[in-house]
Structures are given as structure tokens and as C-alpha cells.
N, C-alpha and C. Protein backbone atom coordinates (compact mmCIF):
# COMPACT_ATOMS: atom_id res chain seq x y z
N MET A 1 5.86 118.44 -18.62
CA MET A 1 7.19 117.82 -18.68
C MET A 1 7.05 116.35 -19.10
N GLY A 2 7.91 115.92 -20.01
CA GLY A 2 7.93 114.48 -20.34
C GLY A 2 8.64 113.74 -19.19
N GLN A 3 8.09 112.56 -18.85
CA GLN A 3 8.63 111.83 -17.77
C GLN A 3 9.19 110.44 -18.27
N PRO A 4 10.25 109.98 -17.68
CA PRO A 4 10.83 108.73 -18.11
C PRO A 4 9.81 107.63 -18.05
N GLY A 5 9.71 106.84 -19.17
CA GLY A 5 8.78 105.69 -19.17
C GLY A 5 7.43 106.06 -19.71
N VAL A 6 6.99 107.29 -19.49
CA VAL A 6 5.65 107.65 -19.89
C VAL A 6 5.56 107.68 -21.44
N LEU A 7 6.57 108.25 -22.06
CA LEU A 7 6.52 108.30 -23.58
C LEU A 7 6.59 106.98 -24.13
N ALA A 8 7.38 106.09 -23.46
CA ALA A 8 7.52 104.70 -23.97
C ALA A 8 6.14 103.96 -24.02
N GLU A 9 5.39 104.18 -22.88
CA GLU A 9 4.09 103.56 -22.83
C GLU A 9 3.16 104.14 -23.94
N ARG A 10 3.22 105.46 -24.16
CA ARG A 10 2.37 106.03 -25.14
C ARG A 10 2.68 105.52 -26.56
N TRP A 11 3.99 105.46 -26.85
CA TRP A 11 4.39 104.94 -28.20
C TRP A 11 4.13 103.51 -28.34
N LYS A 12 4.11 102.72 -27.29
CA LYS A 12 3.83 101.30 -27.35
C LYS A 12 2.41 101.08 -27.87
N HIS A 13 1.51 102.04 -27.64
CA HIS A 13 0.16 101.81 -28.06
C HIS A 13 -0.27 102.64 -29.21
N THR A 14 0.75 103.27 -29.89
CA THR A 14 0.33 104.08 -31.11
C THR A 14 -0.05 103.00 -32.22
N SER A 15 -0.88 103.45 -33.16
CA SER A 15 -1.35 102.53 -34.12
C SER A 15 -0.34 101.89 -35.04
N PHE A 16 0.73 102.69 -35.42
CA PHE A 16 1.62 102.11 -36.38
C PHE A 16 2.57 101.08 -35.69
N LEU A 17 2.69 101.11 -34.35
CA LEU A 17 3.41 100.07 -33.68
C LEU A 17 2.66 98.88 -33.36
N SER A 18 1.28 98.98 -33.41
CA SER A 18 0.42 97.84 -32.98
C SER A 18 -0.04 97.07 -34.30
N GLN A 19 0.45 97.61 -35.54
CA GLN A 19 0.12 96.90 -36.74
C GLN A 19 1.32 96.17 -37.28
N PRO A 20 1.05 95.12 -38.07
CA PRO A 20 2.21 94.42 -38.70
C PRO A 20 3.00 95.40 -39.56
N ALA A 21 4.26 95.17 -39.62
CA ALA A 21 5.24 96.03 -40.38
C ALA A 21 4.77 96.14 -41.87
N ASN A 22 4.26 95.03 -42.41
CA ASN A 22 3.91 95.02 -43.84
C ASN A 22 2.50 95.33 -44.14
N SER A 23 1.74 95.96 -43.15
CA SER A 23 0.33 96.27 -43.34
C SER A 23 0.29 97.49 -44.25
N MET A 24 -0.75 97.54 -45.07
CA MET A 24 -1.01 98.63 -46.03
C MET A 24 -2.48 98.99 -45.98
N SER A 25 -2.79 100.33 -46.03
CA SER A 25 -4.10 100.77 -46.34
C SER A 25 -4.35 100.79 -47.79
N LYS A 26 -5.62 101.01 -48.21
CA LYS A 26 -5.92 101.07 -49.61
C LYS A 26 -5.20 102.23 -50.30
N SER A 27 -4.96 103.34 -49.54
CA SER A 27 -4.31 104.44 -50.14
C SER A 27 -2.80 104.41 -50.14
N GLN A 28 -2.16 103.40 -49.56
CA GLN A 28 -0.82 103.27 -49.49
C GLN A 28 -0.24 102.41 -50.67
N THR A 29 0.89 102.82 -51.15
CA THR A 29 1.59 101.95 -52.17
C THR A 29 2.73 101.18 -51.59
N LYS A 30 3.12 101.52 -50.34
CA LYS A 30 4.20 100.77 -49.69
C LYS A 30 3.82 100.62 -48.22
N PRO A 31 4.40 99.50 -47.62
CA PRO A 31 4.19 99.40 -46.23
C PRO A 31 4.74 100.46 -45.40
N THR A 32 4.27 100.65 -44.10
CA THR A 32 4.79 101.64 -43.21
C THR A 32 6.19 101.31 -42.75
N ALA A 33 7.03 102.31 -42.69
CA ALA A 33 8.39 102.19 -42.13
C ALA A 33 8.45 102.99 -40.83
N THR A 34 9.06 102.43 -39.76
CA THR A 34 9.20 103.15 -38.54
C THR A 34 10.67 103.04 -38.13
N ILE A 35 11.26 104.22 -38.01
CA ILE A 35 12.68 104.32 -37.69
C ILE A 35 12.81 105.14 -36.33
N PHE A 36 13.57 104.60 -35.45
CA PHE A 36 13.90 105.39 -34.23
C PHE A 36 15.28 105.91 -34.32
N LEU A 37 15.35 107.27 -34.39
CA LEU A 37 16.64 107.89 -34.52
C LEU A 37 17.12 108.25 -33.07
N ALA A 38 18.09 107.42 -32.65
CA ALA A 38 18.55 107.56 -31.27
C ALA A 38 20.00 108.19 -31.17
N ARG A 39 20.22 108.87 -30.09
CA ARG A 39 21.56 109.32 -29.82
C ARG A 39 22.15 108.50 -28.75
N HIS A 40 23.49 108.34 -28.75
CA HIS A 40 24.20 107.55 -27.81
C HIS A 40 23.97 108.07 -26.36
N ALA A 41 24.17 107.23 -25.38
CA ALA A 41 24.05 107.66 -23.98
C ALA A 41 25.25 108.53 -23.56
N THR A 42 25.27 109.04 -22.36
CA THR A 42 26.29 110.01 -21.96
C THR A 42 27.69 109.41 -21.88
N PRO A 43 28.57 109.99 -22.57
CA PRO A 43 30.02 109.53 -22.56
C PRO A 43 30.85 110.33 -21.56
N ASP A 44 32.09 109.96 -21.35
CA ASP A 44 33.02 110.73 -20.57
C ASP A 44 33.57 111.91 -21.38
N TRP A 45 32.88 113.10 -21.32
CA TRP A 45 33.32 114.20 -22.04
C TRP A 45 34.58 114.85 -21.46
N SER A 46 35.00 114.39 -20.29
CA SER A 46 36.19 114.93 -19.69
C SER A 46 37.45 114.42 -20.41
N ARG A 47 37.36 113.36 -21.14
CA ARG A 47 38.54 112.76 -21.78
C ARG A 47 39.00 113.80 -22.93
N ARG A 48 40.19 114.31 -22.73
CA ARG A 48 40.77 115.18 -23.72
C ARG A 48 41.88 114.58 -24.43
N ASP A 49 42.20 113.32 -24.13
CA ASP A 49 43.38 112.64 -24.78
C ASP A 49 43.02 111.92 -26.06
N ILE A 50 41.71 111.92 -26.33
CA ILE A 50 41.24 111.25 -27.58
C ILE A 50 40.26 112.13 -28.29
N ARG A 51 40.15 112.07 -29.61
CA ARG A 51 39.23 112.82 -30.35
C ARG A 51 37.85 112.32 -30.12
N TYR A 52 36.85 113.15 -30.01
CA TYR A 52 35.43 112.68 -29.87
C TYR A 52 34.75 112.25 -31.20
N ASP A 53 35.42 112.58 -32.31
CA ASP A 53 34.72 112.49 -33.61
C ASP A 53 35.20 111.24 -34.50
N VAL A 54 36.22 110.58 -34.01
CA VAL A 54 36.76 109.38 -34.75
C VAL A 54 36.86 108.24 -33.67
N PRO A 55 36.76 107.02 -34.14
CA PRO A 55 36.91 105.86 -33.30
C PRO A 55 38.26 105.87 -32.59
N PRO A 56 38.30 105.53 -31.29
CA PRO A 56 37.21 104.99 -30.52
C PRO A 56 36.27 106.09 -29.88
N GLY A 57 36.86 107.26 -29.60
CA GLY A 57 36.08 108.32 -28.91
C GLY A 57 35.89 107.92 -27.49
N PRO A 58 35.32 108.84 -26.66
CA PRO A 58 35.13 108.59 -25.25
C PRO A 58 34.11 107.52 -25.00
N PRO A 59 34.37 106.72 -23.90
CA PRO A 59 33.41 105.63 -23.59
C PRO A 59 32.21 106.19 -22.76
N LEU A 60 31.24 105.38 -22.51
CA LEU A 60 30.13 105.78 -21.63
C LEU A 60 30.59 105.84 -20.21
N VAL A 61 29.98 106.73 -19.41
CA VAL A 61 30.17 106.80 -18.01
C VAL A 61 29.07 105.89 -17.39
N PRO A 62 29.07 105.54 -16.05
CA PRO A 62 28.11 104.64 -15.50
C PRO A 62 26.70 105.16 -15.69
N ASP A 63 26.52 106.46 -15.53
CA ASP A 63 25.10 107.00 -15.73
C ASP A 63 24.64 106.71 -17.22
N GLY A 64 25.62 106.75 -18.03
CA GLY A 64 25.25 106.46 -19.53
C GLY A 64 24.77 105.08 -19.74
N GLU A 65 25.40 104.15 -19.07
CA GLU A 65 24.96 102.79 -19.12
C GLU A 65 23.52 102.58 -18.63
N THR A 66 23.14 103.37 -17.60
CA THR A 66 21.80 103.30 -17.12
C THR A 66 20.86 103.88 -18.11
N GLU A 67 21.27 104.98 -18.71
CA GLU A 67 20.43 105.60 -19.78
C GLU A 67 20.27 104.65 -20.99
N ALA A 68 21.26 104.02 -21.28
CA ALA A 68 21.23 103.07 -22.49
C ALA A 68 20.17 101.94 -22.18
N ALA A 69 20.16 101.45 -20.90
CA ALA A 69 19.20 100.39 -20.57
C ALA A 69 17.78 100.87 -20.58
N LYS A 70 17.55 102.20 -20.22
CA LYS A 70 16.24 102.79 -20.36
C LYS A 70 15.84 102.88 -21.84
N LEU A 71 16.78 103.30 -22.65
CA LEU A 71 16.51 103.31 -24.09
C LEU A 71 16.15 101.93 -24.58
N GLY A 72 16.87 100.95 -24.20
CA GLY A 72 16.50 99.55 -24.56
C GLY A 72 15.15 99.13 -24.10
N GLU A 73 14.71 99.60 -22.98
CA GLU A 73 13.34 99.25 -22.50
C GLU A 73 12.32 99.87 -23.43
N PHE A 74 12.59 101.15 -23.76
CA PHE A 74 11.67 101.91 -24.71
C PHE A 74 11.57 101.17 -25.99
N LEU A 75 12.68 100.81 -26.57
CA LEU A 75 12.76 100.21 -27.93
C LEU A 75 12.15 98.74 -27.89
N ARG A 76 12.30 98.06 -26.82
CA ARG A 76 11.68 96.75 -26.64
C ARG A 76 10.17 96.87 -26.69
N ALA A 77 9.65 97.88 -25.87
CA ALA A 77 8.17 98.09 -25.87
C ALA A 77 7.70 98.49 -27.26
N ALA A 78 8.56 99.18 -28.03
CA ALA A 78 8.20 99.66 -29.31
C ALA A 78 8.25 98.58 -30.46
N GLY A 79 8.79 97.41 -30.03
CA GLY A 79 8.84 96.32 -31.01
C GLY A 79 10.01 96.39 -31.96
N VAL A 80 11.15 96.96 -31.55
CA VAL A 80 12.32 97.15 -32.49
C VAL A 80 12.81 95.82 -32.91
N THR A 81 13.09 95.67 -34.20
CA THR A 81 13.60 94.39 -34.73
C THR A 81 15.15 94.34 -35.02
N LYS A 82 15.70 95.54 -35.03
CA LYS A 82 17.17 95.58 -35.36
C LYS A 82 17.69 96.91 -34.94
N VAL A 83 18.98 96.95 -34.58
CA VAL A 83 19.62 98.18 -34.15
C VAL A 83 20.94 98.38 -34.92
N TYR A 84 21.05 99.57 -35.56
CA TYR A 84 22.28 99.91 -36.29
C TYR A 84 23.05 100.87 -35.42
N ALA A 85 24.36 100.70 -35.33
CA ALA A 85 25.17 101.53 -34.53
C ALA A 85 26.31 102.17 -35.24
N SER A 86 26.61 103.47 -34.94
CA SER A 86 27.82 104.06 -35.41
C SER A 86 29.01 103.37 -34.84
N PRO A 87 30.16 103.35 -35.42
CA PRO A 87 31.39 102.63 -35.00
C PRO A 87 32.10 103.16 -33.77
N LEU A 88 31.72 104.30 -33.33
CA LEU A 88 32.43 104.87 -32.09
C LEU A 88 32.02 104.12 -30.86
N GLU A 89 32.94 104.11 -29.84
CA GLU A 89 32.70 103.31 -28.64
C GLU A 89 31.41 103.75 -27.92
N ARG A 90 31.08 105.00 -27.86
CA ARG A 90 29.88 105.39 -27.12
C ARG A 90 28.59 104.93 -27.78
N THR A 91 28.57 104.86 -29.13
CA THR A 91 27.41 104.40 -29.80
C THR A 91 27.34 102.88 -29.81
N ARG A 92 28.49 102.30 -30.00
CA ARG A 92 28.51 100.79 -30.01
C ARG A 92 28.12 100.25 -28.67
N ARG A 93 28.57 100.81 -27.58
CA ARG A 93 28.20 100.33 -26.25
C ARG A 93 26.73 100.65 -25.98
N THR A 94 26.23 101.82 -26.34
CA THR A 94 24.83 102.06 -26.14
C THR A 94 23.96 100.95 -26.92
N ALA A 95 24.33 100.75 -28.14
CA ALA A 95 23.65 99.71 -28.98
C ALA A 95 23.69 98.29 -28.31
N GLU A 96 24.86 97.97 -27.86
CA GLU A 96 25.07 96.67 -27.22
C GLU A 96 24.07 96.55 -26.06
N ILE A 97 24.00 97.57 -25.14
CA ILE A 97 23.06 97.52 -24.05
C ILE A 97 21.63 97.43 -24.55
N VAL A 98 21.28 98.28 -25.59
CA VAL A 98 19.96 98.22 -26.16
C VAL A 98 19.66 96.79 -26.70
N GLY A 99 20.60 96.19 -27.33
CA GLY A 99 20.36 94.88 -27.89
C GLY A 99 20.16 93.82 -26.82
N GLU A 100 20.91 93.96 -25.67
CA GLU A 100 20.77 93.01 -24.62
C GLU A 100 19.41 93.16 -23.95
N VAL A 101 18.90 94.37 -23.80
CA VAL A 101 17.61 94.66 -23.17
C VAL A 101 16.41 94.30 -24.03
N SER A 102 16.58 94.64 -25.35
CA SER A 102 15.38 94.46 -26.26
C SER A 102 15.42 93.17 -27.01
N GLY A 103 16.60 92.47 -27.04
CA GLY A 103 16.65 91.25 -27.78
C GLY A 103 16.88 91.41 -29.23
N ALA A 104 17.05 92.62 -29.72
CA ALA A 104 17.26 92.92 -31.17
C ALA A 104 18.72 92.79 -31.54
N PRO A 105 19.06 92.22 -32.70
CA PRO A 105 20.42 92.18 -33.18
C PRO A 105 21.01 93.54 -33.50
N VAL A 106 22.33 93.66 -33.31
CA VAL A 106 23.00 94.94 -33.47
C VAL A 106 23.98 94.80 -34.60
N GLU A 107 24.04 95.76 -35.52
CA GLU A 107 24.94 95.86 -36.64
C GLU A 107 25.64 97.14 -36.69
N GLU A 108 26.92 97.20 -36.87
CA GLU A 108 27.70 98.46 -37.05
C GLU A 108 27.47 98.99 -38.45
N GLN A 109 27.34 100.34 -38.54
CA GLN A 109 27.14 101.06 -39.77
C GLN A 109 27.93 102.31 -39.79
N SER A 110 29.02 102.26 -40.64
CA SER A 110 29.93 103.45 -40.63
C SER A 110 29.32 104.73 -41.19
N ALA A 111 28.31 104.64 -42.02
CA ALA A 111 27.66 105.80 -42.61
C ALA A 111 26.93 106.67 -41.63
N ILE A 112 26.58 106.07 -40.39
CA ILE A 112 25.90 106.96 -39.44
C ILE A 112 26.80 107.39 -38.34
N ALA A 113 28.15 107.45 -38.58
CA ALA A 113 29.11 107.88 -37.60
C ALA A 113 29.01 109.41 -37.24
N GLU A 114 29.83 109.75 -36.29
CA GLU A 114 29.78 111.15 -35.85
C GLU A 114 30.23 112.12 -36.90
N TYR A 115 29.80 113.35 -36.81
CA TYR A 115 30.10 114.45 -37.66
C TYR A 115 31.63 114.73 -37.46
N ARG A 116 32.51 114.42 -38.39
CA ARG A 116 33.88 114.61 -38.28
C ARG A 116 34.33 116.04 -38.51
N ARG A 117 35.40 116.49 -37.88
CA ARG A 117 35.85 117.84 -37.98
C ARG A 117 36.11 118.24 -39.44
N GLU A 118 36.58 117.36 -40.26
CA GLU A 118 36.84 117.73 -41.67
C GLU A 118 35.70 117.69 -42.58
N GLU A 119 34.61 117.24 -42.17
CA GLU A 119 33.36 117.08 -42.95
C GLU A 119 32.55 118.40 -42.92
N ASP A 120 31.87 118.64 -44.12
CA ASP A 120 30.89 119.67 -44.16
C ASP A 120 29.51 119.05 -44.05
N GLU A 121 28.48 119.86 -43.89
CA GLU A 121 27.16 119.30 -43.62
C GLU A 121 26.62 118.57 -44.82
N ALA A 122 26.94 118.97 -46.03
CA ALA A 122 26.46 118.21 -47.23
C ALA A 122 27.01 116.82 -47.22
N THR A 123 28.25 116.66 -46.83
CA THR A 123 28.89 115.30 -46.83
C THR A 123 28.20 114.35 -45.78
N VAL A 124 27.93 114.94 -44.64
CA VAL A 124 27.29 114.21 -43.59
C VAL A 124 25.79 113.80 -44.04
N ARG A 125 25.15 114.83 -44.59
CA ARG A 125 23.77 114.45 -45.12
C ARG A 125 23.78 113.40 -46.12
N THR A 126 24.76 113.44 -47.01
CA THR A 126 24.79 112.45 -48.14
C THR A 126 25.05 111.03 -47.56
N ARG A 127 25.99 110.90 -46.67
CA ARG A 127 26.21 109.53 -46.16
C ARG A 127 25.06 109.00 -45.29
N MET A 128 24.44 109.95 -44.48
CA MET A 128 23.36 109.56 -43.61
C MET A 128 22.17 109.07 -44.45
N LEU A 129 21.88 109.85 -45.55
CA LEU A 129 20.74 109.49 -46.38
C LEU A 129 21.01 108.18 -47.15
N THR A 130 22.15 107.93 -47.57
CA THR A 130 22.48 106.65 -48.18
C THR A 130 22.15 105.53 -47.26
N ALA A 131 22.56 105.57 -46.02
CA ALA A 131 22.24 104.54 -45.11
C ALA A 131 20.70 104.58 -44.79
N TRP A 132 20.13 105.73 -44.68
CA TRP A 132 18.73 105.91 -44.38
C TRP A 132 17.80 105.16 -45.28
N GLN A 133 17.99 105.28 -46.57
CA GLN A 133 17.05 104.62 -47.56
C GLN A 133 17.07 103.18 -47.41
N ALA A 134 18.25 102.64 -47.29
CA ALA A 134 18.39 101.11 -47.14
C ALA A 134 17.63 100.70 -45.86
N ILE A 135 17.80 101.44 -44.82
CA ILE A 135 17.16 101.08 -43.47
C ILE A 135 15.61 101.26 -43.52
N VAL A 136 15.19 102.26 -44.28
CA VAL A 136 13.73 102.37 -44.46
C VAL A 136 13.17 101.23 -45.19
N ASP A 137 13.82 100.83 -46.26
CA ASP A 137 13.35 99.68 -47.04
C ASP A 137 13.32 98.40 -46.13
N GLU A 138 14.31 98.28 -45.38
CA GLU A 138 14.36 97.10 -44.40
C GLU A 138 13.27 97.13 -43.43
N SER A 139 12.92 98.38 -42.92
CA SER A 139 11.92 98.50 -41.92
C SER A 139 10.49 98.23 -42.57
N ARG A 140 10.30 98.46 -43.80
CA ARG A 140 9.09 98.17 -44.44
C ARG A 140 8.84 96.67 -44.51
N ARG A 141 9.91 95.93 -44.55
CA ARG A 141 9.84 94.47 -44.64
C ARG A 141 9.79 93.80 -43.33
N HIS A 142 10.48 94.36 -42.28
CA HIS A 142 10.71 93.61 -41.07
C HIS A 142 10.20 94.32 -39.78
N GLY A 143 9.85 95.56 -39.88
CA GLY A 143 9.34 96.26 -38.66
C GLY A 143 10.23 97.32 -38.20
N PRO A 144 9.94 97.94 -37.03
CA PRO A 144 10.72 99.12 -36.52
C PRO A 144 12.18 98.84 -36.40
N ILE A 145 13.00 99.75 -36.74
CA ILE A 145 14.42 99.70 -36.64
C ILE A 145 14.97 100.88 -35.93
N ALA A 146 16.05 100.72 -35.07
CA ALA A 146 16.63 101.84 -34.38
C ALA A 146 18.02 102.14 -35.01
N ILE A 147 18.37 103.43 -35.09
CA ILE A 147 19.64 103.86 -35.49
C ILE A 147 20.21 104.60 -34.30
N VAL A 148 21.40 104.07 -33.79
CA VAL A 148 22.12 104.78 -32.66
C VAL A 148 23.24 105.56 -33.22
N SER A 149 23.05 106.84 -33.34
CA SER A 149 24.01 107.74 -33.98
C SER A 149 24.39 108.87 -32.95
N HIS A 150 24.59 110.05 -33.52
CA HIS A 150 25.07 111.19 -32.73
C HIS A 150 24.23 112.40 -32.95
N GLY A 151 24.34 113.39 -32.03
CA GLY A 151 23.47 114.57 -32.14
C GLY A 151 23.57 115.39 -33.41
N GLY A 152 24.75 115.55 -33.92
CA GLY A 152 25.01 116.30 -35.10
C GLY A 152 24.41 115.66 -36.32
N PRO A 153 24.74 114.39 -36.63
CA PRO A 153 24.05 113.79 -37.81
C PRO A 153 22.51 113.67 -37.64
N VAL A 154 22.04 113.40 -36.45
CA VAL A 154 20.57 113.41 -36.20
C VAL A 154 19.99 114.78 -36.55
N ARG A 155 20.61 115.86 -36.14
CA ARG A 155 20.10 117.10 -36.44
C ARG A 155 20.04 117.37 -37.97
N VAL A 156 21.13 116.97 -38.65
CA VAL A 156 21.12 117.09 -40.12
C VAL A 156 19.99 116.40 -40.72
N LEU A 157 19.63 115.24 -40.36
CA LEU A 157 18.52 114.49 -40.87
C LEU A 157 17.19 115.16 -40.57
N LEU A 158 17.02 115.65 -39.33
CA LEU A 158 15.78 116.37 -38.88
C LEU A 158 15.56 117.56 -39.77
N GLU A 159 16.60 118.29 -40.01
CA GLU A 159 16.48 119.54 -40.84
C GLU A 159 16.20 119.16 -42.25
N HIS A 160 16.74 118.09 -42.75
CA HIS A 160 16.48 117.59 -44.11
C HIS A 160 15.00 117.20 -44.33
N PHE A 161 14.45 116.57 -43.23
CA PHE A 161 13.10 116.07 -43.31
C PHE A 161 12.03 117.29 -43.01
N GLY A 162 12.58 118.45 -42.73
CA GLY A 162 11.69 119.58 -42.58
C GLY A 162 11.07 119.81 -41.19
N VAL A 163 11.72 119.33 -40.13
CA VAL A 163 11.27 119.60 -38.81
C VAL A 163 11.19 121.17 -38.64
N ASP A 164 10.13 121.65 -38.09
CA ASP A 164 10.03 123.13 -37.95
C ASP A 164 11.17 123.70 -37.15
N HIS A 165 11.67 124.83 -37.63
CA HIS A 165 12.77 125.53 -37.07
C HIS A 165 12.57 125.78 -35.60
N ASP A 166 11.39 126.31 -35.24
CA ASP A 166 11.06 126.66 -33.87
C ASP A 166 11.06 125.40 -32.97
N GLU A 167 10.52 124.29 -33.49
CA GLU A 167 10.43 123.06 -32.73
C GLU A 167 11.84 122.60 -32.44
N LEU A 168 12.73 122.62 -33.53
CA LEU A 168 14.02 122.11 -33.38
C LEU A 168 14.83 122.93 -32.31
N TRP A 169 14.66 124.22 -32.37
CA TRP A 169 15.34 125.03 -31.44
C TRP A 169 14.72 124.94 -30.01
N HIS A 170 13.50 124.68 -29.91
CA HIS A 170 12.87 124.39 -28.60
C HIS A 170 13.63 123.23 -27.90
N TYR A 171 13.95 122.24 -28.64
CA TYR A 171 14.67 121.12 -28.04
C TYR A 171 16.19 121.39 -27.92
N ARG A 172 16.75 122.06 -28.91
CA ARG A 172 18.22 122.36 -28.86
C ARG A 172 18.63 123.13 -27.69
N ARG A 173 17.69 124.10 -27.31
CA ARG A 173 17.96 124.95 -26.02
C ARG A 173 17.88 124.13 -24.82
N GLN A 174 17.14 122.94 -24.78
CA GLN A 174 17.11 122.19 -23.59
C GLN A 174 18.28 121.23 -23.33
N PHE A 175 18.86 120.73 -24.42
CA PHE A 175 19.84 119.66 -24.30
C PHE A 175 21.26 120.06 -24.49
N ASP A 176 22.16 119.21 -24.06
CA ASP A 176 23.59 119.57 -24.06
C ASP A 176 24.11 119.83 -25.47
N HIS A 177 25.05 120.71 -25.60
CA HIS A 177 25.79 121.03 -26.81
C HIS A 177 24.75 121.41 -27.91
N GLN A 178 23.62 121.96 -27.56
CA GLN A 178 22.61 122.27 -28.58
C GLN A 178 22.11 121.20 -29.44
N ASN A 179 22.14 120.02 -28.93
CA ASN A 179 21.66 118.86 -29.70
C ASN A 179 20.13 118.84 -29.61
N PRO A 180 19.54 118.29 -30.67
CA PRO A 180 18.01 118.27 -30.71
C PRO A 180 17.39 117.11 -29.92
N LEU A 181 18.22 116.31 -29.24
CA LEU A 181 17.77 115.24 -28.39
C LEU A 181 18.86 114.95 -27.33
N PRO A 182 18.41 114.50 -26.14
CA PRO A 182 19.38 114.33 -25.11
C PRO A 182 20.13 113.01 -25.27
N PRO A 183 21.15 112.69 -24.45
CA PRO A 183 21.81 111.34 -24.54
C PRO A 183 20.74 110.30 -24.34
N ALA A 184 20.82 109.27 -25.16
CA ALA A 184 19.88 108.19 -25.20
C ALA A 184 18.43 108.62 -25.46
N GLY A 185 18.26 109.78 -26.08
CA GLY A 185 16.96 110.19 -26.51
C GLY A 185 16.59 109.70 -27.90
N VAL A 186 15.37 109.80 -28.31
CA VAL A 186 14.88 109.20 -29.60
C VAL A 186 13.89 110.06 -30.30
N TRP A 187 14.14 110.31 -31.56
CA TRP A 187 13.12 110.82 -32.42
C TRP A 187 12.54 109.66 -33.24
N ALA A 188 11.18 109.53 -33.19
CA ALA A 188 10.50 108.51 -34.01
C ALA A 188 10.13 108.99 -35.35
N VAL A 189 10.43 108.35 -36.42
CA VAL A 189 10.10 108.71 -37.75
C VAL A 189 9.20 107.71 -38.35
N THR A 190 8.02 108.08 -38.75
CA THR A 190 7.01 107.20 -39.36
C THR A 190 6.81 107.58 -40.80
N ILE A 191 6.92 106.67 -41.72
CA ILE A 191 6.72 106.91 -43.15
C ILE A 191 5.61 105.98 -43.57
N ASN A 192 4.41 106.55 -43.80
CA ASN A 192 3.24 105.79 -44.29
C ASN A 192 3.17 105.82 -45.79
N GLY A 193 3.48 104.66 -46.41
CA GLY A 193 3.50 104.62 -47.89
C GLY A 193 4.44 105.60 -48.43
N ASP A 194 3.96 106.42 -49.38
CA ASP A 194 4.81 107.47 -50.05
C ASP A 194 4.65 108.84 -49.42
N GLU A 195 4.09 108.93 -48.26
CA GLU A 195 3.86 110.20 -47.64
C GLU A 195 5.16 110.73 -47.05
N GLN A 196 5.15 112.09 -46.69
CA GLN A 196 6.28 112.67 -46.03
C GLN A 196 6.41 112.05 -44.67
N PRO A 197 7.69 111.97 -44.19
CA PRO A 197 7.90 111.42 -42.81
C PRO A 197 7.17 112.20 -41.71
N GLN A 198 6.70 111.54 -40.73
CA GLN A 198 6.15 112.13 -39.57
C GLN A 198 7.11 111.97 -38.44
N LEU A 199 7.51 113.08 -37.82
CA LEU A 199 8.64 113.06 -36.81
C LEU A 199 8.17 113.59 -35.44
N GLU A 200 8.69 112.98 -34.40
CA GLU A 200 8.34 113.43 -33.10
C GLU A 200 9.45 112.98 -32.11
N LEU A 201 9.82 113.89 -31.19
CA LEU A 201 10.69 113.51 -30.13
C LEU A 201 9.92 112.50 -29.23
N ALA A 202 10.24 111.18 -29.24
CA ALA A 202 9.42 110.23 -28.69
C ALA A 202 9.86 109.73 -27.35
N PHE A 203 11.17 109.88 -26.97
CA PHE A 203 11.66 109.37 -25.75
C PHE A 203 12.88 110.03 -25.22
N SER A 204 12.90 110.25 -23.88
CA SER A 204 14.04 110.73 -23.23
C SER A 204 14.20 109.98 -21.89
N PRO A 205 15.40 109.59 -21.53
CA PRO A 205 15.53 108.92 -20.20
C PRO A 205 15.28 109.79 -19.03
N GLY A 206 15.17 111.13 -19.21
CA GLY A 206 14.94 112.08 -18.19
C GLY A 206 13.87 113.02 -18.57
N PRO A 207 13.40 113.91 -17.67
CA PRO A 207 12.34 114.87 -17.99
C PRO A 207 12.78 115.87 -19.07
N PHE A 208 11.76 116.34 -19.83
CA PHE A 208 11.96 117.44 -20.79
C PHE A 208 10.67 118.12 -21.06
N THR A 209 10.67 119.28 -21.65
CA THR A 209 9.52 120.01 -21.93
C THR A 209 9.15 119.79 -23.42
N ARG A 210 8.04 119.23 -23.69
CA ARG A 210 7.61 119.00 -25.06
C ARG A 210 7.24 120.29 -25.80
N TYR A 211 7.47 120.28 -27.08
CA TYR A 211 7.12 121.41 -27.92
C TYR A 211 5.51 121.55 -28.00
N PRO A 212 5.04 122.80 -27.76
CA PRO A 212 3.69 122.88 -27.78
C PRO A 212 3.09 122.91 -29.22
N ASN A 213 2.25 122.01 -29.55
CA ASN A 213 1.61 121.97 -30.94
C ASN A 213 0.39 122.79 -31.00
């Protein structure tokens, strides 16, 4: 079982986090980029008077604020330099708490917003990838960056990057609403030079069962 804090300590000591963001090996043509794909902390899903998929959406519950602080501790240990947040209340507040804990600046980014009812998957993928490439380029220059988004858009990106179907469903069966990560959970994405992204569920504020490799 993954334990709170344990994964943060392991990621703190991984080689790509202990090296300068602009370091390159002889075989690399570009610096390493490190992106932390995070989901917002737990909101008040009992709110039926507002839509969940357009701003403002439901706010965080008190437990969600605690989860967001744990996420901030993980990202601080990981050396995050900036946080991008979806414009919905639950993601903005999660990112605000992360920024307070980690010391990283927070910027709102509409392209990483929730999967809206009227959108199809191709539309979500296109807008997420547009933001993604700019953030990857920024990470190559400045270091690890966090994206605080939502379970649906994160899933779309993970599928686009080729995460194994069985691995994805291993996690989707564990977490709420069949999301591939829990509230305030994080997938770490590492891109070494021009290589394919390496992805791993890197953090959860609560216990979970890791996919057996």
C-alpha cells in the first residue's frame, strides 16, 4: 500500500529532481522537463445547486483543504517552481493552498479546466495539449511545474501518452468516479530530451495500492 508522505520522500530523492532543470546528458538534445499532473482536493459533491463542470463549481470541504496542504508538502519537497490551476473554485483553492505551502507562484489557466458536458474527448485533448506543450517548454527552462486540473482531463492526457490500459484501470477502480488518481493525487511526468514521457502515479494524500510492475 502507498502511504502518505512515503512517496513524497521517494520522489524527493529521484535523480531528475536532484539535478538542475537545464541539465543535459550527451545523448539529450533538450533539458529534462518534469510536470506534476495533479487533481483538485475533495470538493462538496453534495452541492446540486451549481454545475460541477463550469465556474465556480463546488468548493472544497475541510478535509479537502487538509489534502491540498499535503499535496503542497509533496510538491515543495519535489522542488516545484510554479503551479497552474484550472479556473474552477475547487482547483483554484487547491492551488492556492499548494502555493502557500510550497512557496511557488500560482497562475490560472483556462485550457486545463474541467471536462464540460458539451465537450467531446477530442476537444478536451486538444486544449489540454495546447497548454501542455507550453508548460513543458517552461519546465525545461525553470524546473518542475504542477498542473492542478481535474480527473477527466488528466485521464485524457494519460491515455494520450500511452499509459497501459491495465495500469490505468488498476487505479480507476480504486478512486472515486473512476478517476485515475484520487483527490489531491499526482501523476509525475518526466520527459528526458526527446524521449517519450515517463509516467507514474507519484503521490496520494491517503493509502492506495500501487500497480505491480
